C-alpha atoms as a PDB file:
ATOM      1  CA  MET A   1      30.448   3.474  47.710  1.00  0.00           C
ATOM      2  CA  LYS A   2      26.811   3.236  48.764  1.00  0.00           C
ATOM      3  CA  GLN A   3      24.578   6.135  49.743  1.00  0.00           C
ATOM      4  CA  THR A   4      22.303   5.730  52.776  1.00  0.00           C
ATOM      5  CA  THR A   5      19.721   7.869  54.566  1.00  0.00           C
ATOM      6  CA  TYR A   6      20.118   7.898  58.338  1.00  0.00           C
ATOM      7  CA  ASP A   7      17.619   8.565  61.116  1.00  0.00           C
ATOM      8  CA  PRO A   8      18.495  11.196  63.721  1.00  0.00           C
ATOM      9  CA  HIS A   9      20.433  10.127  66.810  1.00  0.00           C
ATOM     10  CA  ARG A  10      19.418  11.554  70.174  1.00  0.00           C
ATOM     11  CA  LEU A  11      22.212  12.717  72.443  1.00  0.00           C
ATOM     12  CA  GLN A  12      22.310  14.503  75.804  1.00  0.00           C
ATOM     13  CA  ALA A  13      24.961  17.185  75.426  1.00  0.00           C
ATOM     14  CA  ASP A  14      25.960  17.337  79.105  1.00  0.00           C
ATOM     15  CA  ALA A  15      25.908  13.582  79.733  1.00  0.00           C
ATOM     16  CA  PRO A  16      29.182  11.868  80.695  1.00  0.00           C
ATOM     17  CA  GLY A  17      30.785  10.389  77.612  1.00  0.00           C
ATOM     18  CA  ALA A  18      28.888  12.568  75.109  1.00  0.00           C
ATOM     19  CA  PRO A  19      32.037  13.345  73.050  1.00  0.00           C
ATOM     20  CA  GLU A  20      32.848   9.628  72.937  1.00  0.00           C
ATOM     21  CA  GLN A  21      29.320   8.907  71.672  1.00  0.00           C
ATOM     22  CA  VAL A  22      29.798  11.411  68.844  1.00  0.00           C
ATOM     23  CA  ALA A  23      33.134   9.805  67.950  1.00  0.00           C
ATOM     24  CA  ALA A  24      31.541   6.343  67.920  1.00  0.00           C
ATOM     25  CA  LEU A  25      28.759   7.492  65.583  1.00  0.00           C
ATOM     26  CA  VAL A  26      31.322   9.037  63.233  1.00  0.00           C
ATOM     27  CA  ASP A  27      33.406   5.837  63.354  1.00  0.00           C
ATOM     28  CA  ALA A  28      30.352   3.798  62.401  1.00  0.00           C
ATOM     29  CA  LEU A  29      29.556   6.063  59.448  1.00  0.00           C
ATOM     30  CA  LEU A  30      33.089   5.927  58.121  1.00  0.00           C
ATOM     31  CA  ALA A  31      33.285   2.162  58.584  1.00  0.00           C
ATOM     32  CA  ALA A  32      30.099   1.770  56.528  1.00  0.00           C
ATOM     33  CA  ASP A  33      31.951   3.306  53.542  1.00  0.00           C
ATOM     34  CA  THR A  34      28.971   5.412  52.500  1.00  0.00           C
ATOM     35  CA  ASP A  35      29.006   8.180  49.921  1.00  0.00           C
ATOM     36  CA  ARG A  36      28.904  11.611  51.614  1.00  0.00           C
ATOM     37  CA  PRO A  37      28.481  10.288  55.196  1.00  0.00           C
ATOM     38  CA  ARG A  38      25.871  12.334  57.034  1.00  0.00           C
ATOM     39  CA  LEU A  39      25.114  12.476  60.754  1.00  0.00           C
ATOM     40  CA  ARG A  40      21.969  13.993  62.251  1.00  0.00           C
ATOM     41  CA  LEU A  41      21.960  14.683  65.984  1.00  0.00           C
ATOM     42  CA  LEU A  42      19.046  15.741  68.203  1.00  0.00           C
ATOM     43  CA  LEU A  43      20.835  17.443  71.085  1.00  0.00           C
ATOM     44  CA  SER A  44      19.254  17.949  74.504  1.00  0.00           C
ATOM     45  CA  GLY A  45      20.597  18.873  77.941  1.00  0.00           C
ATOM     46  CA  ASP A  46      20.880  21.710  80.436  1.00  0.00           C
ATOM     47  CA  ALA A  47      24.210  22.912  79.012  1.00  0.00           C
ATOM     48  CA  LEU A  48      26.519  22.454  76.066  1.00  0.00           C
ATOM     49  CA  PRO A  49      29.962  21.697  77.565  1.00  0.00           C
ATOM     50  CA  ALA A  50      33.154  22.658  75.755  1.00  0.00           C
ATOM     51  CA  GLU A  51      34.156  18.989  75.613  1.00  0.00           C
ATOM     52  CA  THR A  52      31.000  18.128  73.663  1.00  0.00           C
ATOM     53  CA  ILE A  53      31.535  21.031  71.268  1.00  0.00           C
ATOM     54  CA  ALA A  54      35.101  19.868  70.689  1.00  0.00           C
ATOM     55  CA  GLY A  55      33.812  16.370  69.950  1.00  0.00           C
ATOM     56  CA  LEU A  56      31.300  17.731  67.450  1.00  0.00           C
ATOM     57  CA  VAL A  57      33.922  19.880  65.704  1.00  0.00           C
ATOM     58  CA  THR A  58      36.341  16.936  65.503  1.00  0.00           C
ATOM     59  CA  GLY A  59      33.627  14.678  64.104  1.00  0.00           C
ATOM     60  CA  LEU A  60      32.599  17.265  61.532  1.00  0.00           C
ATOM     61  CA  ARG A  61      36.154  17.610  60.283  1.00  0.00           C
ATOM     62  CA  ARG A  62      36.562  13.847  59.970  1.00  0.00           C
ATOM     63  CA  LEU A  63      33.363  13.527  57.939  1.00  0.00           C
ATOM     64  CA  ARG A  64      34.264  16.469  55.704  1.00  0.00           C
ATOM     65  CA  GLU A  65      37.335  14.612  54.511  1.00  0.00           C
ATOM     66  CA  TYR A  66      34.859  12.274  52.779  1.00  0.00           C
ATOM     67  CA  GLY A  67      32.369  14.949  51.697  1.00  0.00           C
ATOM     68  CA  GLY A  68      30.199  14.446  54.782  1.00  0.00           C
ATOM     69  CA  ALA A  69      28.474  16.718  57.293  1.00  0.00           C
ATOM     70  CA  ILE A  70      26.858  16.894  60.721  1.00  0.00           C
ATOM     71  CA  GLU A  71      23.507  18.495  61.436  1.00  0.00           C
ATOM     72  CA  VAL A  72      22.655  19.423  65.034  1.00  0.00           C
ATOM     73  CA  ARG A  73      19.052  20.132  65.985  1.00  0.00           C
ATOM     74  CA  PRO A  74      18.698  21.508  69.535  1.00  0.00           C
ATOM     75  CA  GLU A  75      15.969  19.947  71.668  1.00  0.00           C
ATOM     76  CA  SER A  76      16.433  22.209  74.675  1.00  0.00           C
ATOM     77  CA  VAL A  77      16.535  25.971  75.170  1.00  0.00           C
ATOM     78  CA  ALA A  78      19.979  25.754  76.796  1.00  0.00           C
ATOM     79  CA  VAL A  79      21.510  23.944  73.810  1.00  0.00           C
ATOM     80  CA  ARG A  80      19.793  26.230  71.312  1.00  0.00           C
ATOM     81  CA  ASP A  81      21.047  29.358  73.082  1.00  0.00           C
ATOM     82  CA  ALA A  82      24.577  27.968  73.381  1.00  0.00           C
ATOM     83  CA  LEU A  83      24.717  27.195  69.655  1.00  0.00           C
ATOM     84  CA  THR A  84      23.489  30.696  68.839  1.00  0.00           C
ATOM     85  CA  LEU A  85      25.887  32.470  71.199  1.00  0.00           C
ATOM     86  CA  THR A  86      28.902  30.575  69.915  1.00  0.00           C
ATOM     87  CA  GLY A  87      27.942  31.070  66.275  1.00  0.00           C
ATOM     88  CA  LEU A  88      27.841  27.294  65.758  1.00  0.00           C
ATOM     89  CA  GLU A  89      24.175  27.273  64.838  1.00  0.00           C
ATOM     90  CA  HIS A  90      25.016  27.591  61.128  1.00  0.00           C
ATOM     91  CA  VAL A  91      28.139  25.405  61.281  1.00  0.00           C
ATOM     92  CA  PHE A  92      26.059  22.323  62.130  1.00  0.00           C
ATOM     93  CA  ALA A  93      23.086  23.121  59.903  1.00  0.00           C
ATOM     94  CA  PHE A  94      23.894  21.948  56.392  1.00  0.00           C
ATOM     95  CA  PRO A  95      21.331  20.312  54.116  1.00  0.00           C
ATOM     96  CA  LEU A  96      21.938  16.609  54.546  1.00  0.00           C
ATOM     97  CA  ASP A  97      19.742  15.008  51.894  1.00  0.00           C
ATOM     98  CA  PRO A  98      20.835  14.943  48.216  1.00  0.00           C
ATOM     99  CA  ASP A  99      17.503  16.457  47.164  1.00  0.00           C
ATOM    100  CA  GLU A 100      17.940  19.410  49.532  1.00  0.00           C
ATOM    101  CA  THR A 101      19.474  21.560  46.836  1.00  0.00           C
ATOM    102  CA  THR A 102      18.333  24.904  48.221  1.00  0.00           C
ATOM    103  CA  PRO A 103      20.879  26.160  50.727  1.00  0.00           C
ATOM    104  CA  ARG A 104      19.544  27.125  54.115  1.00  0.00           C
ATOM    105  CA  ARG A 105      20.325  30.737  54.791  1.00  0.00           C
ATOM    106  CA  ARG A 106      20.253  32.164  58.292  1.00  0.00           C
ATOM    107  CA  HIS A 107      19.918  35.870  58.885  1.00  0.00           C
ATOM    108  CA  PHE A 108      21.186  37.178  62.206  1.00  0.00           C
ATOM    109  CA  GLY A 109      19.959  40.466  63.580  1.00  0.00           C
ATOM    110  CA  PHE A 110      22.060  43.008  65.413  1.00  0.00           C
ATOM    111  CA  GLY A 111      21.246  41.472  68.789  1.00  0.00           C
ATOM    112  CA  ALA A 112      22.451  38.047  67.739  1.00  0.00           C
ATOM    113  CA  ARG A 113      25.699  39.445  66.377  1.00  0.00           C
ATOM    114  CA  VAL A 114      26.337  41.364  69.586  1.00  0.00           C
ATOM    115  CA  ALA A 115      25.665  38.214  71.576  1.00  0.00           C
ATOM    116  CA  ALA A 116      28.165  36.278  69.488  1.00  0.00           C
ATOM    117  CA  ALA A 117      30.761  38.997  69.938  1.00  0.00           C
ATOM    118  CA  LEU A 118      30.254  38.935  73.701  1.00  0.00           C
ATOM    119  CA  PHE A 119      30.391  35.146  73.927  1.00  0.00           C
ATOM    120  CA  VAL A 120      33.911  35.247  75.329  1.00  0.00           C
ATOM    121  CA  LEU A 121      32.616  37.293  78.276  1.00  0.00           C
ATOM    122  CA  VAL A 122      29.619  35.133  79.189  1.00  0.00           C
ATOM    123  CA  ALA A 123      30.725  31.611  78.271  1.00  0.00           C
ATOM    124  CA  THR A 124      30.913  30.413  81.838  1.00  0.00           C
ATOM    125  CA  ALA A 125      27.386  31.649  82.513  1.00  0.00           C
ATOM    126  CA  ILE A 126      25.923  29.194  79.989  1.00  0.00           C
ATOM    127  CA  GLY A 127      27.772  26.171  81.237  1.00  0.00           C
ATOM    128  CA  PHE A 128      31.060  26.067  79.323  1.00  0.00           C
ATOM    129  CA  PRO A 129      33.603  24.655  81.807  1.00  0.00           C
ATOM    130  CA  ALA A 130      37.242  25.660  81.617  1.00  0.00           C
ATOM    131  CA  ILE A 131      39.637  23.263  79.922  1.00  0.00           C
ATOM    132  CA  ALA A 132      42.410  23.879  82.473  1.00  0.00           C
ATOM    133  CA  ASP A 133      42.207  24.519  86.210  1.00  0.00           C
ATOM    134  CA  GLU A 134      40.004  27.475  87.100  1.00  0.00           C
ATOM    135  CA  ALA A 135      42.908  29.245  88.806  1.00  0.00           C
ATOM    136  CA  ASP A 136      44.920  29.165  85.578  1.00  0.00           C
ATOM    137  CA  THR A 137      42.125  29.933  83.111  1.00  0.00           C
ATOM    138  CA  PRO A 138      40.999  33.540  82.514  1.00  0.00           C
ATOM    139  CA  VAL A 139      37.274  34.227  82.534  1.00  0.00           C
ATOM    140  CA  GLY A 140      35.945  34.166  78.962  1.00  0.00           C
ATOM    141  CA  VAL A 141      38.546  31.795  77.508  1.00  0.00           C
ATOM    142  CA  VAL A 142      37.416  30.294  74.212  1.00  0.00           C
ATOM    143  CA  ASP A 143      38.426  27.205  72.276  1.00  0.00           C
ATOM    144  CA  PRO A 144      40.550  28.170  69.247  1.00  0.00           C
ATOM    145  CA  ALA A 145      39.108  25.216  67.317  1.00  0.00           C
ATOM    146  CA  ILE A 146      35.632  26.742  67.652  1.00  0.00           C
ATOM    147  CA  VAL A 147      36.868  30.154  66.518  1.00  0.00           C
ATOM    148  CA  LEU A 148      38.554  28.690  63.422  1.00  0.00           C
ATOM    149  CA  GLU A 149      35.507  26.550  62.650  1.00  0.00           C
ATOM    150  CA  ASN A 150      33.319  29.651  62.666  1.00  0.00           C
ATOM    151  CA  VAL A 151      35.789  31.467  60.396  1.00  0.00           C
ATOM    152  CA  ALA A 152      35.840  28.551  57.951  1.00  0.00           C
ATOM    153  CA  GLU A 153      32.024  28.394  57.937  1.00  0.00           C
ATOM    154  CA  ARG A 154      31.064  32.059  57.720  1.00  0.00           C
ATOM    155  CA  ASN A 155      29.673  31.270  54.223  1.00  0.00           C
ATOM    156  CA  PRO A 156      27.968  27.899  54.882  1.00  0.00           C
ATOM    157  CA  SER A 157      26.367  27.527  51.447  1.00  0.00           C
ATOM    158  CA  LEU A 158      29.474  28.552  49.471  1.00  0.00           C
ATOM    159  CA  SER A 159      30.903  25.397  47.883  1.00  0.00           C
ATOM    160  CA  SER A 160      33.550  27.020  45.681  1.00  0.00           C
ATOM    161  CA  TYR A 161      34.724  30.242  44.105  1.00  0.00           C
ATOM    162  CA  GLU A 162      37.385  31.752  41.911  1.00  0.00           C
ATOM    163  CA  GLY A 163      38.382  35.376  41.579  1.00  0.00           C
ATOM    164  CA  ARG A 164      41.144  37.583  40.279  1.00  0.00           C
ATOM    165  CA  LEU A 165      43.745  39.030  42.656  1.00  0.00           C
ATOM    166  CA  HIS A 166      45.727  42.153  41.737  1.00  0.00           C
ATOM    167  CA  VAL A 167      48.812  42.962  43.804  1.00  0.00           C
ATOM    168  CA  ASP A 168      51.041  46.058  43.845  1.00  0.00           C
ATOM    169  CA  VAL A 169      54.419  45.768  45.596  1.00  0.00           C
ATOM    170  CA  HIS A 170      56.429  48.876  46.524  1.00  0.00           C
ATOM    171  CA  MET A 171      59.914  48.611  48.042  1.00  0.00           C
ATOM    172  CA  ASP A 172      60.518  51.209  50.797  1.00  0.00           C
ATOM    173  CA  SER A 173      64.210  50.340  50.925  1.00  0.00           C
ATOM    174  CA  PHE A 174      66.931  50.001  48.308  1.00  0.00           C
ATOM    175  CA  PRO A 175      66.468  49.413  45.373  1.00  0.00           C
ATOM    176  CA  PHE A 176      63.182  51.376  45.845  1.00  0.00           C
ATOM    177  CA  ILE A 177      61.374  49.691  42.980  1.00  0.00           C
ATOM    178  CA  GLY A 178      57.921  48.221  42.569  1.00  0.00           C
ATOM    179  CA  THR A 179      56.060  45.642  40.578  1.00  0.00           C
ATOM    180  CA  HIS A 180      52.518  44.551  39.748  1.00  0.00           C
ATOM    181  CA  LEU A 181      51.291  40.959  40.028  1.00  0.00           C
ATOM    182  CA  ASP A 182      48.082  39.284  38.888  1.00  0.00           C
ATOM    183  CA  ALA A 183      46.735  35.962  40.111  1.00  0.00           C
ATOM    184  CA  THR A 184      43.664  33.778  40.363  1.00  0.00           C
ATOM    185  CA  ALA A 185      42.400  32.698  43.791  1.00  0.00           C
ATOM    186  CA  TYR A 186      40.563  29.359  44.011  1.00  0.00           C
ATOM    187  CA  TYR A 187      38.522  27.823  46.817  1.00  0.00           C
ATOM    188  CA  LYS A 188      36.709  24.499  46.965  1.00  0.00           C
ATOM    189  CA  ARG A 189      34.990  22.969  49.966  1.00  0.00           C
ATOM    190  CA  PRO A 190      35.911  21.474  52.329  1.00  0.00           C
ATOM    191  CA  ALA A 191      39.455  22.807  52.717  1.00  0.00           C
ATOM    192  CA  ASN A 192      41.099  23.636  49.397  1.00  0.00           C
ATOM    193  CA  TYR A 193      42.500  27.113  48.777  1.00  0.00           C
ATOM    194  CA  GLU A 194      45.150  28.190  46.292  1.00  0.00           C
ATOM    195  CA  VAL A 195      46.454  31.406  44.778  1.00  0.00           C
ATOM    196  CA  VAL A 196      48.080  30.924  41.378  1.00  0.00           C
ATOM    197  CA  PHE A 197      50.053  33.932  40.141  1.00  0.00           C
ATOM    198  CA  ASP A 198      50.361  34.544  36.422  1.00  0.00           C
ATOM    199  CA  ARG A 199      54.055  35.194  37.013  1.00  0.00           C
ATOM    200  CA  VAL A 200      56.204  35.775  40.099  1.00  0.00           C
ATOM    201  CA  PRO A 201      59.421  37.742  39.474  1.00  0.00           C
ATOM    202  CA  ALA A 202      62.398  37.324  41.774  1.00  0.00           C
ATOM    203  CA  LEU A 203      61.465  40.501  43.653  1.00  0.00           C
ATOM    204  CA  ALA A 204      58.159  38.983  44.760  1.00  0.00           C
ATOM    205  CA  LYS A 205      59.198  35.437  45.601  1.00  0.00           C
ATOM    206  CA  GLY A 206      57.327  34.322  48.700  1.00  0.00           C
ATOM    207  CA  PHE A 207      54.386  36.706  48.299  1.00  0.00           C
ATOM    208  CA  ASP A 208      52.314  33.953  46.685  1.00  0.00           C
ATOM    209  CA  LYS A 209      52.720  31.841  49.822  1.00  0.00           C
ATOM    210  CA  MET A 210      51.683  34.756  52.049  1.00  0.00           C
ATOM    211  CA  PHE A 211      48.384  35.236  50.213  1.00  0.00           C
ATOM    212  CA  THR A 212      47.667  31.486  50.245  1.00  0.00           C
ATOM    213  CA  ASP A 213      48.252  31.222  54.004  1.00  0.00           C
ATOM    214  CA  ALA A 214      45.968  34.170  54.742  1.00  0.00           C
ATOM    215  CA  GLY A 215      43.090  32.651  52.818  1.00  0.00           C
ATOM    216  CA  ASP A 216      43.202  29.106  54.160  1.00  0.00           C
ATOM    217  CA  PRO A 217      42.285  28.977  57.895  1.00  0.00           C
ATOM    218  CA  SER A 218      40.780  25.510  57.482  1.00  0.00           C
ATOM    219  CA  GLY A 219      44.254  23.959  57.523  1.00  0.00           C
ATOM    220  CA  TRP A 220      45.761  25.994  60.343  1.00  0.00           C
ATOM    221  CA  GLU A 221      45.177  23.488  63.143  1.00  0.00           C
ATOM    222  CA  ARG A 222      47.037  20.809  61.197  1.00  0.00           C
ATOM    223  CA  ARG A 223      50.055  23.067  60.761  1.00  0.00           C
ATOM    224  CA  PHE A 224      50.041  25.128  63.970  1.00  0.00           C
ATOM    225  CA  VAL A 225      49.561  24.886  67.709  1.00  0.00           C
ATOM    226  CA  VAL A 226      46.827  27.503  68.191  1.00  0.00           C
ATOM    227  CA  SER A 227      46.089  29.256  71.500  1.00  0.00           C
ATOM    228  CA  TYR A 228      43.609  31.939  72.537  1.00  0.00           C
ATOM    229  CA  GLN A 229      45.255  35.138  73.821  1.00  0.00           C
ATOM    230  CA  GLY A 230      42.280  37.325  74.789  1.00  0.00           C
ATOM    231  CA  GLN A 231      40.829  40.365  73.014  1.00  0.00           C
ATOM    232  CA  GLN A 232      42.275  43.384  71.226  1.00  0.00           C
ATOM    233  CA  PRO A 233      40.558  46.444  69.727  1.00  0.00           C
ATOM    234  CA  PHE A 234      40.683  46.730  65.950  1.00  0.00           C
ATOM    235  CA  ARG A 235      39.129  49.629  64.027  1.00  0.00           C
ATOM    236  CA  GLY A 236      36.500  50.307  66.670  1.00  0.00           C
ATOM    237  CA  HIS A 237      35.462  46.773  67.582  1.00  0.00           C
ATOM    238  CA  PRO A 238      36.895  43.980  69.774  1.00  0.00           C
ATOM    239  CA  ASP A 239      38.712  41.123  68.045  1.00  0.00           C
ATOM    240  CA  LEU A 240      39.638  37.691  69.356  1.00  0.00           C
ATOM    241  CA  VAL A 241      43.410  37.127  69.373  1.00  0.00           C
ATOM    242  CA  LEU A 242      44.908  33.770  68.360  1.00  0.00           C
ATOM    243  CA  LYS A 243      48.597  32.877  68.581  1.00  0.00           C
ATOM    244  CA  MET A 244      49.856  30.225  66.170  1.00  0.00           C
ATOM    245  CA  VAL A 245      53.174  28.385  66.445  1.00  0.00           C
ATOM    246  CA  GLN A 246      54.298  26.090  63.635  1.00  0.00           C
ATOM    247  CA  ARG A 247      54.277  22.387  64.508  1.00  0.00           C
ATOM    248  CA  VAL A 248      57.258  21.942  62.188  1.00  0.00           C
ATOM    249  CA  ARG A 249      59.444  24.941  62.889  1.00  0.00           C
ATOM    250  CA  GLY A 250      60.637  27.130  60.057  1.00  0.00           C
ATOM    251  CA  MET A 251      61.704  30.781  59.834  1.00  0.00           C
ATOM    252  CA  ILE A 252      58.599  32.126  61.609  1.00  0.00           C
ATOM    253  CA  ASP A 253      58.594  32.281  65.423  1.00  0.00           C
ATOM    254  CA  HIS A 254      54.823  32.746  65.639  1.00  0.00           C
ATOM    255  CA  GLU A 255      51.799  34.290  63.949  1.00  0.00           C
ATOM    256  CA  THR A 256      49.134  36.493  65.551  1.00  0.00           C
ATOM    257  CA  VAL A 257      45.628  36.413  64.077  1.00  0.00           C
ATOM    258  CA  LEU A 258      42.823  38.881  64.877  1.00  0.00           C
ATOM    259  CA  VAL A 259      39.308  37.506  64.323  1.00  0.00           C
ATOM    260  CA  ASN A 260      36.157  39.648  64.257  1.00  0.00           C
ATOM    261  CA  PRO A 261      33.565  37.572  66.196  1.00  0.00           C
ATOM    262  CA  SER A 262      30.613  39.568  64.859  1.00  0.00           C
ATOM    263  CA  ALA A 263      31.382  38.467  61.278  1.00  0.00           C
ATOM    264  CA  TRP A 264      33.878  35.596  61.860  1.00  0.00           C
ATOM    265  CA  SER A 265      36.280  37.252  59.458  1.00  0.00           C
ATOM    266  CA  ILE A 266      40.057  37.557  59.797  1.00  0.00           C
ATOM    267  CA  ASP A 267      40.938  41.227  60.245  1.00  0.00           C
ATOM    268  CA  SER A 268      44.698  40.883  60.562  1.00  0.00           C
ATOM    269  CA  ILE A 269      47.606  38.421  60.505  1.00  0.00           C
ATOM    270  CA  ARG A 270      51.079  39.273  61.807  1.00  0.00           C
ATOM    271  CA  TYR A 271      54.070  37.036  61.076  1.00  0.00           C
ATOM    272  CA  ASP A 272      57.001  37.394  63.508  1.00  0.00           C
ATOM    273  CA  TYR A 273      60.297  35.904  62.331  1.00  0.00           C
ATOM    274  CA  TYR A 274      63.200  34.597  64.404  1.00  0.00           C
ATOM    275  CA  ASN A 275      65.501  37.175  62.784  1.00  0.00           C
ATOM    276  CA  GLY A 276      63.427  40.057  64.192  1.00  0.00           C
ATOM    277  CA  GLY A 277      61.526  40.758  60.989  1.00  0.00           C
ATOM    278  CA  HIS A 278      57.767  40.883  60.738  1.00  0.00           C
ATOM    279  CA  ILE A 279      54.945  41.112  58.212  1.00  0.00           C
ATOM    280  CA  THR A 280      51.502  42.488  59.108  1.00  0.00           C
ATOM    281  CA  MET A 281      48.558  41.939  56.775  1.00  0.00           C
ATOM    282  CA  THR A 282      45.134  43.530  57.268  1.00  0.00           C
ATOM    283  CA  GLN A 283      41.997  42.638  55.319  1.00  0.00           C
ATOM    284  CA  THR A 284      38.584  44.030  54.404  1.00  0.00           C
ATOM    285  CA  PHE A 285      35.551  42.194  53.059  1.00  0.00           C
ATOM    286  CA  ARG A 286      32.554  42.954  50.888  1.00  0.00           C
ATOM    287  CA  ASP A 287      29.265  41.300  49.986  1.00  0.00           C
ATOM    288  CA  VAL A 288      29.292  39.319  46.739  1.00  0.00           C
ATOM    289  CA  GLY A 289      25.979  37.665  45.940  1.00  0.00           C
ATOM    290  CA  GLY A 290      25.142  37.244  49.612  1.00  0.00           C
ATOM    291  CA  TYR A 291      28.593  35.936  50.573  1.00  0.00           C
ATOM    292  CA  SER A 292      31.268  37.661  52.656  1.00  0.00           C
ATOM    293  CA  MET A 293      34.284  37.756  50.332  1.00  0.00           C
ATOM    294  CA  LEU A 294      37.757  39.276  50.528  1.00  0.00           C
ATOM    295  CA  ALA A 295      37.848  42.763  49.064  1.00  0.00           C
ATOM    296  CA  GLU A 296      41.322  44.125  49.850  1.00  0.00           C
ATOM    297  CA  GLN A 297      44.516  43.135  51.650  1.00  0.00           C
ATOM    298  CA  HIS A 298      47.276  45.472  52.833  1.00  0.00           C
ATOM    299  CA  ALA A 299      50.646  44.164  54.044  1.00  0.00           C
ATOM    300  CA  GLU A 300      53.586  45.961  55.609  1.00  0.00           C
ATOM    301  CA  ILE A 301      56.845  44.022  55.368  1.00  0.00           C
ATOM    302  CA  ALA A 302      59.807  44.813  57.615  1.00  0.00           C
ATOM    303  CA  ILE A 303      62.511  42.183  57.474  1.00  0.00           C
ATOM    304  CA  PRO A 304      66.292  42.630  57.754  1.00  0.00           C
ATOM    305  CA  TYR A 305      67.619  44.640  54.792  1.00  0.00           C
ATOM    306  CA  ALA A 306      64.185  45.029  53.175  1.00  0.00           C
ATOM    307  CA  LYS A 307      61.004  47.009  53.722  1.00  0.00           C
ATOM    308  CA  ALA A 308      57.984  46.956  51.444  1.00  0.00           C
ATOM    309  CA  VAL A 309      54.268  47.701  51.227  1.00  0.00           C
ATOM    310  CA  VAL A 310      51.914  45.324  49.418  1.00  0.00           C
ATOM    311  CA  PHE A 311      48.340  46.105  48.373  1.00  0.00           C
ATOM    312  CA  GLY A 312      46.001  43.472  46.957  1.00  0.00           C
ATOM    313  CA  SER A 313      42.454  43.761  45.610  1.00  0.00           C
ATOM    314  CA  TYR A 314      40.007  41.052  44.520  1.00  0.00           C
ATOM    315  CA  THR A 315      37.697  41.291  41.508  1.00  0.00           C
ATOM    316  CA  ASP A 316      35.604  39.173  39.138  1.00  0.00           C
ATOM    317  CA  TYR A 317      34.376  36.634  41.680  1.00  0.00           C
ATOM    318  CA  LYS A 318      32.522  33.561  40.426  1.00  0.00           C
ATOM    319  CA  THR A 319      30.808  31.581  43.174  1.00  0.00           C
ATOM    320  CA  ASN A 320      29.715  27.933  43.322  1.00  0.00           C
ATOM    321  CA  VAL A 321      31.509  27.012  40.102  1.00  0.00           C
ATOM    322  CA  ALA A 322      33.240  23.799  39.024  1.00  0.00           C
ATOM    323  CA  ILE A 323      36.973  23.824  39.822  1.00  0.00           C
ATOM    324  CA  ASP A 324      39.417  21.133  38.762  1.00  0.00           C
ATOM    325  CA  ASP A 325      41.114  19.450  41.740  1.00  0.00           C
ATOM    326  CA  ALA A 326      44.394  19.675  39.824  1.00  0.00           C
ATOM    327  CA  VAL A 327      44.502  23.371  40.734  1.00  0.00           C
ATOM    328  CA  PHE A 328      45.177  22.432  44.334  1.00  0.00           C
ATOM    329  CA  THR A 329      47.825  19.799  43.622  1.00  0.00           C
ATOM    330  CA  LYS A 330      50.019  21.524  41.035  1.00  0.00           C
ATOM    331  CA  LYS A 331      52.265  23.064  43.707  1.00  0.00           C
ATOM    332  CA  LYS A 332      52.564  19.963  45.871  1.00  0.00           C
END
């Protein structure tokens, strides 16, 4: 592959056909077979429509499959404010040149975080049209793809990490026993996440999959139909609620995800099974070297004939380290 430096492309965000223009630019980059395809966009306009945002998110995901990125530089106040309010300012702001080795870090004050949290209430005021008919669309509806993109990019300069996971399982039903599990969690950009347990006894079969699912939101849209369900209070702050239904149906009827829009972290995931059982996992985070990292996970399991409580804690994080790709293929 060849590596090429590209000049910025100017684009009017609210012009007819803007999403198609983004797609065409991405197509051209991929057809050129360049190493780490990069796209710079200078975005102007009086508004940033949802359709244009969706086009940008789709283009970014396509380029990431080849190690690429999109950088968006606003050229109007309306576009700049829309990017800030949606939290997408840092999603489309990666260093694009190979010699830009110093990650750009953005620090958001309290006002900016409040604005991001209230985005769902003021979206229509900044020119985000509804996807469906106005009569059928509640005020403040948000695009689940944008929510998940913000979650995946809450640590924009984090390229990889590994850390130890320690899990205690306690059965609250017969045979009333418990066990302890240890594992290593791995992440590598753009969308690789795996939890490898040192051992998984018969009692804990399936727990490894639960921890992997919770840590890998980047792949959710490929596996689920995701819809926005409004807001729900969680520990004193409002969370965005996403409902996820498997594209290829299994034992789970649906999953409910609570996302904290002030930090773009996943506070809770609930799995509802067809047999009436459910699992609810809650999470907390802590700062590790300037990154928001998982600290603890607590799961309550209530399925037919079995009840259990699971507690997991994360230690010994190593960030931006080399990780063998074989880690993510060993279970395939």
